[in-house]
């Protein structure tokens, strides 16, 4: 069972919201991680610098947080193969869903985009169903 951390979660959510607002205000772009990542994978987008900086910040922030003495104990209860397969399935979903959870769920819903609202509802239903199947039917 994962430890419930309401204050850390709130703080993280505020930082995600602020980064999404800053990216929209400064660059006019939605903070969808998949779209940002796709611009630094060849062929590289002309605006690759801000994309690389955004991704570097997303990677370095938890490292800095842990180094500063923060952090929450966690474990990954599945194999590396399961993580790779899960990543592949998510990649397929991102392609067919025309965006990822951060783009649709954080930015799209904030803009009241009907497409993003539907996509986020579908993401959540799929997540609930997956947790139910894994925990109660498969027994993992």
N, C-alpha and C. Protein backbone atom coordinates (compact mmCIF):
# COMPACT_ATOMS: atom_id res chain seq x y z
N UNK A 1 0.84 -1.17 0.00
CA UNK A 1 0.00 0.00 0.00
C UNK A 1 0.89 1.25 0.00
N UNK A 2 0.52 2.23 -0.78
CA UNK A 2 1.28 3.47 -0.89
C UNK A 2 0.88 4.41 0.24
N UNK A 3 1.88 5.09 0.81
CA UNK A 3 1.63 6.05 1.88
C UNK A 3 0.91 7.27 1.32
N UNK A 4 -0.13 7.74 2.01
CA UNK A 4 -0.89 8.91 1.60
C UNK A 4 -0.17 10.16 2.08
N UNK A 5 0.16 11.05 1.17
CA UNK A 5 0.92 12.26 1.49
C UNK A 5 0.18 13.48 0.94
N UNK A 6 -0.85 13.96 1.64
CA UNK A 6 -1.67 15.04 1.07
C UNK A 6 -0.90 16.34 0.84
N UNK A 7 0.01 16.72 1.72
CA UNK A 7 0.70 18.00 1.55
C UNK A 7 1.72 17.93 0.41
N UNK A 8 2.46 16.83 0.33
CA UNK A 8 3.39 16.67 -0.79
C UNK A 8 2.63 16.59 -2.11
N UNK A 9 1.50 15.90 -2.09
CA UNK A 9 0.70 15.78 -3.31
C UNK A 9 0.15 17.14 -3.74
N UNK A 10 -0.34 17.91 -2.79
CA UNK A 10 -0.83 19.25 -3.10
C UNK A 10 0.28 20.12 -3.65
N UNK A 11 1.45 20.09 -3.01
CA UNK A 11 2.59 20.87 -3.46
C UNK A 11 3.00 20.46 -4.88
N UNK A 12 3.05 19.17 -5.14
CA UNK A 12 3.39 18.69 -6.49
C UNK A 12 2.37 19.12 -7.52
N UNK A 13 1.09 19.05 -7.16
CA UNK A 13 0.04 19.50 -8.07
C UNK A 13 0.13 20.98 -8.39
N UNK A 14 0.44 21.77 -7.38
CA UNK A 14 0.61 23.21 -7.59
C UNK A 14 1.78 23.47 -8.54
N UNK A 15 2.89 22.75 -8.34
CA UNK A 15 4.05 22.93 -9.23
C UNK A 15 3.73 22.52 -10.66
N UNK A 16 2.99 21.43 -10.82
CA UNK A 16 2.59 21.00 -12.17
C UNK A 16 1.71 22.08 -12.81
N UNK A 17 0.75 22.60 -12.05
CA UNK A 17 -0.12 23.65 -12.58
C UNK A 17 0.64 24.91 -12.95
N UNK A 18 1.58 25.32 -12.08
CA UNK A 18 2.38 26.51 -12.37
C UNK A 18 3.25 26.31 -13.60
N UNK A 19 3.82 25.12 -13.75
CA UNK A 19 4.66 24.88 -14.93
C UNK A 19 3.81 24.89 -16.20
N UNK A 20 2.61 24.36 -16.13
CA UNK A 20 1.72 24.38 -17.30
C UNK A 20 1.32 25.81 -17.66
N UNK A 21 1.03 26.62 -16.64
CA UNK A 21 0.67 28.02 -16.88
C UNK A 21 1.86 28.78 -17.46
N UNK A 22 3.05 28.57 -16.90
CA UNK A 22 4.24 29.27 -17.39
C UNK A 22 4.55 28.89 -18.83
N UNK A 23 4.43 27.62 -19.16
CA UNK A 23 4.71 27.18 -20.53
C UNK A 23 3.71 27.80 -21.51
N UNK A 24 2.45 27.85 -21.12
CA UNK A 24 1.44 28.45 -21.99
C UNK A 24 1.68 29.97 -22.11
N UNK A 25 2.01 30.62 -21.00
CA UNK A 25 2.21 32.07 -21.02
C UNK A 25 3.47 32.46 -21.79
N UNK A 26 4.53 31.70 -21.64
CA UNK A 26 5.81 32.07 -22.24
C UNK A 26 5.99 31.56 -23.67
N UNK A 27 5.41 30.39 -23.96
CA UNK A 27 5.63 29.79 -25.28
C UNK A 27 4.34 29.49 -26.05
N UNK A 28 3.20 29.68 -25.41
CA UNK A 28 1.93 29.39 -26.08
C UNK A 28 1.74 27.91 -26.37
N UNK A 29 2.35 27.05 -25.55
CA UNK A 29 2.31 25.61 -25.77
C UNK A 29 1.66 24.89 -24.60
N UNK A 30 1.01 23.78 -24.90
CA UNK A 30 0.40 22.93 -23.89
C UNK A 30 1.47 22.03 -23.29
N UNK A 31 1.43 21.86 -21.97
CA UNK A 31 2.43 21.04 -21.28
C UNK A 31 2.07 19.56 -21.32
N UNK A 32 1.97 19.02 -22.51
CA UNK A 32 1.76 17.59 -22.69
C UNK A 32 3.12 16.92 -22.85
N UNK A 33 3.46 16.05 -21.93
CA UNK A 33 4.81 15.46 -21.92
C UNK A 33 5.12 14.71 -23.22
N UNK A 34 4.16 14.02 -23.77
CA UNK A 34 4.42 13.27 -25.00
C UNK A 34 4.73 14.20 -26.16
N UNK A 35 3.98 15.29 -26.28
CA UNK A 35 4.25 16.26 -27.33
C UNK A 35 5.59 16.95 -27.16
N UNK A 36 5.93 17.23 -25.90
CA UNK A 36 7.23 17.86 -25.62
C UNK A 36 8.35 16.89 -25.98
N UNK A 37 8.22 15.63 -25.56
CA UNK A 37 9.24 14.62 -25.85
C UNK A 37 9.38 14.38 -27.34
N UNK A 38 8.28 14.39 -28.06
CA UNK A 38 8.35 14.11 -29.50
C UNK A 38 9.14 15.18 -30.25
N UNK A 39 9.27 16.36 -29.67
CA UNK A 39 10.02 17.43 -30.32
C UNK A 39 11.52 17.35 -30.13
N UNK A 40 12.00 16.47 -29.25
CA UNK A 40 13.45 16.32 -29.09
C UNK A 40 13.95 14.98 -29.60
N UNK A 41 13.03 14.12 -30.02
CA UNK A 41 13.40 12.86 -30.66
C UNK A 41 13.47 13.13 -32.16
N UNK A 42 14.53 12.69 -32.82
CA UNK A 42 14.66 13.00 -34.26
C UNK A 42 13.43 12.58 -35.05
N UNK A 43 12.96 13.40 -35.99
CA UNK A 43 13.55 14.68 -36.37
C UNK A 43 13.27 15.74 -35.30
N UNK A 44 14.29 16.46 -34.90
CA UNK A 44 14.22 17.43 -33.81
C UNK A 44 13.46 18.68 -34.26
N UNK A 45 12.59 19.15 -33.39
CA UNK A 45 11.81 20.35 -33.69
C UNK A 45 12.71 21.59 -33.59
N UNK A 46 12.32 22.65 -34.27
CA UNK A 46 13.09 23.89 -34.25
C UNK A 46 13.13 24.50 -32.85
N UNK A 47 12.11 24.24 -32.06
CA UNK A 47 12.04 24.79 -30.70
C UNK A 47 12.47 23.76 -29.65
N UNK A 48 13.47 22.97 -29.97
CA UNK A 48 13.91 21.88 -29.10
C UNK A 48 14.47 22.35 -27.77
N UNK A 49 15.01 23.55 -27.68
CA UNK A 49 15.70 24.00 -26.46
C UNK A 49 14.76 24.06 -25.26
N UNK A 50 13.59 24.68 -25.41
CA UNK A 50 12.67 24.75 -24.28
C UNK A 50 12.14 23.37 -23.95
N UNK A 51 11.98 22.51 -24.95
CA UNK A 51 11.51 21.15 -24.72
C UNK A 51 12.52 20.37 -23.87
N UNK A 52 13.79 20.48 -24.23
CA UNK A 52 14.85 19.80 -23.49
C UNK A 52 14.92 20.34 -22.06
N UNK A 53 14.79 21.65 -21.89
CA UNK A 53 14.84 22.25 -20.56
C UNK A 53 13.66 21.79 -19.71
N UNK A 54 12.49 21.72 -20.29
CA UNK A 54 11.29 21.27 -19.57
C UNK A 54 11.46 19.83 -19.10
N UNK A 55 11.91 18.97 -20.01
CA UNK A 55 12.11 17.56 -19.66
C UNK A 55 13.24 17.39 -18.63
N UNK A 56 14.31 18.17 -18.76
CA UNK A 56 15.39 18.10 -17.78
C UNK A 56 14.88 18.50 -16.40
N UNK A 57 14.04 19.52 -16.35
CA UNK A 57 13.46 19.92 -15.07
C UNK A 57 12.57 18.84 -14.48
N UNK A 58 11.80 18.17 -15.33
CA UNK A 58 10.92 17.09 -14.86
C UNK A 58 11.73 15.91 -14.33
N UNK A 59 12.90 15.69 -14.90
CA UNK A 59 13.75 14.60 -14.45
C UNK A 59 14.54 15.00 -13.21
N UNK A 60 15.05 16.21 -13.19
CA UNK A 60 15.92 16.66 -12.08
C UNK A 60 15.16 17.02 -10.81
N UNK A 61 13.93 17.47 -10.92
CA UNK A 61 13.19 17.91 -9.73
C UNK A 61 13.09 16.82 -8.66
N UNK A 62 12.70 15.60 -9.00
CA UNK A 62 12.65 14.59 -7.93
C UNK A 62 14.03 14.22 -7.40
N UNK A 63 15.04 14.28 -8.25
CA UNK A 63 16.40 13.98 -7.80
C UNK A 63 16.85 15.03 -6.77
N UNK A 64 16.59 16.29 -7.07
CA UNK A 64 16.94 17.37 -6.14
C UNK A 64 16.14 17.25 -4.85
N UNK A 65 14.87 16.93 -4.97
CA UNK A 65 14.00 16.78 -3.80
C UNK A 65 14.52 15.68 -2.87
N UNK A 66 14.87 14.54 -3.44
CA UNK A 66 15.39 13.43 -2.64
C UNK A 66 16.74 13.80 -2.02
N UNK A 67 17.60 14.45 -2.80
CA UNK A 67 18.91 14.86 -2.29
C UNK A 67 18.78 15.87 -1.15
N UNK A 68 17.73 16.65 -1.15
CA UNK A 68 17.50 17.64 -0.09
C UNK A 68 16.89 17.01 1.16
N UNK A 69 16.70 15.70 1.13
CA UNK A 69 16.17 15.01 2.31
C UNK A 69 14.70 14.72 2.25
N UNK A 70 14.05 15.08 1.17
CA UNK A 70 12.63 14.79 1.03
C UNK A 70 12.43 13.42 0.42
N UNK A 71 11.24 13.16 0.09
CA UNK A 71 10.96 11.91 -0.59
C UNK A 71 10.03 11.02 0.20
N UNK A 72 9.46 10.11 -0.50
CA UNK A 72 8.53 9.15 0.06
C UNK A 72 9.01 7.77 -0.37
N UNK A 73 8.99 6.84 0.56
CA UNK A 73 9.41 5.47 0.22
C UNK A 73 8.43 4.89 -0.80
N UNK A 74 8.96 4.24 -1.80
CA UNK A 74 8.10 3.61 -2.80
C UNK A 74 8.78 2.34 -3.31
N UNK A 75 7.98 1.51 -3.91
CA UNK A 75 8.52 0.31 -4.54
C UNK A 75 7.78 0.08 -5.83
N UNK A 76 8.41 -0.65 -6.71
CA UNK A 76 7.79 -0.99 -7.99
C UNK A 76 7.50 -2.49 -7.94
N UNK A 77 6.24 -2.86 -7.75
CA UNK A 77 5.91 -4.26 -7.51
C UNK A 77 5.77 -5.13 -8.77
N UNK A 78 6.28 -4.64 -9.89
CA UNK A 78 6.20 -5.42 -11.13
C UNK A 78 7.58 -5.56 -11.75
N UNK A 79 7.71 -6.48 -12.67
CA UNK A 79 8.99 -6.72 -13.32
C UNK A 79 9.31 -5.63 -14.35
N UNK A 80 10.56 -5.60 -14.75
CA UNK A 80 10.98 -4.66 -15.78
C UNK A 80 10.21 -4.93 -17.08
N UNK A 81 10.00 -6.19 -17.41
CA UNK A 81 9.24 -6.54 -18.61
C UNK A 81 7.83 -5.95 -18.55
N UNK A 82 7.19 -6.04 -17.38
CA UNK A 82 5.85 -5.47 -17.24
C UNK A 82 5.88 -3.96 -17.43
N UNK A 83 6.92 -3.30 -16.95
CA UNK A 83 7.04 -1.85 -17.15
C UNK A 83 7.20 -1.51 -18.63
N UNK A 84 8.01 -2.29 -19.34
CA UNK A 84 8.23 -2.06 -20.77
C UNK A 84 6.93 -2.28 -21.54
N UNK A 85 6.24 -3.37 -21.24
CA UNK A 85 4.97 -3.66 -21.92
C UNK A 85 3.95 -2.56 -21.61
N UNK A 86 3.89 -2.14 -20.34
CA UNK A 86 2.98 -1.06 -19.96
C UNK A 86 3.30 0.24 -20.69
N UNK A 87 4.58 0.55 -20.81
CA UNK A 87 4.99 1.75 -21.55
C UNK A 87 4.60 1.67 -23.02
N UNK A 88 4.73 0.49 -23.61
CA UNK A 88 4.34 0.29 -25.00
C UNK A 88 2.83 0.49 -25.17
N UNK A 89 2.05 -0.06 -24.26
CA UNK A 89 0.59 0.08 -24.33
C UNK A 89 0.19 1.55 -24.16
N UNK A 90 0.85 2.24 -23.25
CA UNK A 90 0.57 3.67 -23.06
C UNK A 90 0.93 4.44 -24.32
N UNK A 91 2.05 4.09 -24.95
CA UNK A 91 2.44 4.74 -26.21
C UNK A 91 1.39 4.57 -27.30
N UNK A 92 0.80 3.38 -27.37
CA UNK A 92 -0.28 3.15 -28.33
C UNK A 92 -1.48 4.03 -27.99
N UNK A 93 -1.82 4.09 -26.70
CA UNK A 93 -2.95 4.92 -26.28
C UNK A 93 -2.73 6.39 -26.56
N UNK A 94 -1.51 6.85 -26.35
CA UNK A 94 -1.17 8.26 -26.62
C UNK A 94 -1.35 8.57 -28.10
N UNK A 95 -0.95 7.62 -28.94
CA UNK A 95 -1.09 7.82 -30.38
C UNK A 95 -2.55 7.90 -30.78
N UNK A 96 -3.36 6.95 -30.34
CA UNK A 96 -4.77 6.94 -30.71
C UNK A 96 -5.58 8.03 -29.99
N UNK A 97 -5.14 8.41 -28.79
CA UNK A 97 -5.85 9.43 -28.03
C UNK A 97 -5.43 10.85 -28.36
N UNK A 98 -4.48 10.98 -29.28
CA UNK A 98 -3.98 12.30 -29.71
C UNK A 98 -3.49 13.13 -28.53
N UNK A 99 -2.80 12.48 -27.61
CA UNK A 99 -2.22 13.19 -26.48
C UNK A 99 -2.16 12.31 -25.25
N UNK A 100 -1.48 12.83 -24.24
CA UNK A 100 -1.26 12.06 -23.02
C UNK A 100 -2.08 12.63 -21.86
N UNK A 101 -1.96 12.00 -20.71
CA UNK A 101 -2.74 12.43 -19.55
C UNK A 101 -2.37 13.84 -19.12
N UNK A 102 -1.11 14.22 -19.25
CA UNK A 102 -0.75 15.58 -18.84
C UNK A 102 -1.31 16.61 -19.80
N UNK A 103 -1.27 16.33 -21.08
CA UNK A 103 -1.81 17.28 -22.05
C UNK A 103 -3.31 17.40 -21.95
N UNK A 104 -4.01 16.26 -21.92
CA UNK A 104 -5.47 16.28 -21.84
C UNK A 104 -5.96 16.60 -20.42
N UNK A 105 -5.39 15.90 -19.43
CA UNK A 105 -5.90 16.00 -18.07
C UNK A 105 -5.58 17.31 -17.37
N UNK A 106 -4.38 17.81 -17.56
CA UNK A 106 -3.99 19.04 -16.88
C UNK A 106 -4.36 20.26 -17.72
N UNK A 107 -3.88 20.28 -18.95
CA UNK A 107 -4.05 21.48 -19.78
C UNK A 107 -5.38 21.51 -20.52
N UNK A 108 -5.76 20.40 -21.12
CA UNK A 108 -6.99 20.37 -21.90
C UNK A 108 -8.23 20.60 -21.06
N UNK A 109 -8.28 19.96 -19.90
CA UNK A 109 -9.45 20.16 -19.03
C UNK A 109 -9.49 21.58 -18.48
N UNK A 110 -8.32 22.17 -18.22
CA UNK A 110 -8.29 23.55 -17.74
C UNK A 110 -8.84 24.51 -18.79
N UNK A 111 -8.70 24.13 -20.07
CA UNK A 111 -9.23 24.96 -21.16
C UNK A 111 -10.66 24.57 -21.52
N UNK A 112 -11.23 23.63 -20.75
CA UNK A 112 -12.59 23.12 -20.97
C UNK A 112 -12.75 22.52 -22.37
N UNK A 113 -11.71 21.87 -22.87
CA UNK A 113 -11.76 21.23 -24.17
C UNK A 113 -12.62 19.96 -24.08
N UNK A 114 -13.70 19.88 -24.85
CA UNK A 114 -14.55 18.67 -24.79
C UNK A 114 -13.76 17.40 -25.12
N UNK A 115 -12.87 17.48 -26.10
CA UNK A 115 -12.07 16.31 -26.47
C UNK A 115 -11.20 15.86 -25.30
N UNK A 116 -10.61 16.80 -24.59
CA UNK A 116 -9.76 16.47 -23.45
C UNK A 116 -10.57 15.94 -22.28
N UNK A 117 -11.75 16.47 -22.07
CA UNK A 117 -12.59 15.98 -20.99
C UNK A 117 -12.98 14.53 -21.25
N UNK A 118 -13.39 14.22 -22.47
CA UNK A 118 -13.73 12.83 -22.83
C UNK A 118 -12.50 11.93 -22.70
N UNK A 119 -11.36 12.39 -23.20
CA UNK A 119 -10.13 11.59 -23.12
C UNK A 119 -9.77 11.31 -21.67
N UNK A 120 -9.89 12.30 -20.79
CA UNK A 120 -9.54 12.11 -19.38
C UNK A 120 -10.50 11.15 -18.70
N UNK A 121 -11.77 11.23 -19.02
CA UNK A 121 -12.75 10.28 -18.47
C UNK A 121 -12.38 8.87 -18.92
N UNK A 122 -12.03 8.71 -20.18
CA UNK A 122 -11.63 7.38 -20.69
C UNK A 122 -10.36 6.90 -19.98
N UNK A 123 -9.36 7.79 -19.79
CA UNK A 123 -8.14 7.41 -19.06
C UNK A 123 -8.50 6.89 -17.67
N UNK A 124 -9.35 7.62 -16.98
CA UNK A 124 -9.68 7.26 -15.60
C UNK A 124 -10.45 5.94 -15.54
N UNK A 125 -11.39 5.74 -16.43
CA UNK A 125 -12.13 4.48 -16.46
C UNK A 125 -11.18 3.32 -16.73
N UNK A 126 -10.27 3.51 -17.68
CA UNK A 126 -9.28 2.46 -17.98
C UNK A 126 -8.38 2.20 -16.77
N UNK A 127 -7.98 3.25 -16.06
CA UNK A 127 -7.14 3.07 -14.87
C UNK A 127 -7.90 2.32 -13.78
N UNK A 128 -9.15 2.69 -13.53
CA UNK A 128 -9.94 2.00 -12.51
C UNK A 128 -10.11 0.53 -12.88
N UNK A 129 -10.43 0.27 -14.14
CA UNK A 129 -10.62 -1.11 -14.59
C UNK A 129 -9.33 -1.91 -14.46
N UNK A 130 -8.21 -1.30 -14.81
CA UNK A 130 -6.92 -2.00 -14.72
C UNK A 130 -6.59 -2.34 -13.27
N UNK A 131 -6.76 -1.40 -12.37
CA UNK A 131 -6.48 -1.66 -10.95
C UNK A 131 -7.39 -2.77 -10.43
N UNK A 132 -8.66 -2.72 -10.80
CA UNK A 132 -9.60 -3.75 -10.34
C UNK A 132 -9.18 -5.13 -10.85
N UNK A 133 -8.88 -5.22 -12.14
CA UNK A 133 -8.50 -6.51 -12.72
C UNK A 133 -7.21 -7.02 -12.08
N UNK A 134 -6.21 -6.16 -11.97
CA UNK A 134 -4.92 -6.60 -11.42
C UNK A 134 -5.05 -7.01 -9.95
N UNK A 135 -5.76 -6.23 -9.16
CA UNK A 135 -5.84 -6.52 -7.72
C UNK A 135 -6.86 -7.58 -7.35
N UNK A 136 -7.97 -7.65 -8.08
CA UNK A 136 -9.05 -8.54 -7.65
C UNK A 136 -9.27 -9.76 -8.53
N UNK A 137 -8.86 -9.69 -9.78
CA UNK A 137 -9.08 -10.83 -10.66
C UNK A 137 -7.80 -11.63 -10.89
N UNK A 138 -6.70 -10.92 -11.10
CA UNK A 138 -5.42 -11.59 -11.29
C UNK A 138 -4.79 -11.90 -9.93
N UNK A 139 -5.00 -10.98 -9.00
CA UNK A 139 -4.50 -11.18 -7.64
C UNK A 139 -3.07 -10.76 -7.44
N UNK A 140 -2.59 -9.83 -8.24
CA UNK A 140 -1.19 -9.39 -8.10
C UNK A 140 -1.05 -8.35 -7.04
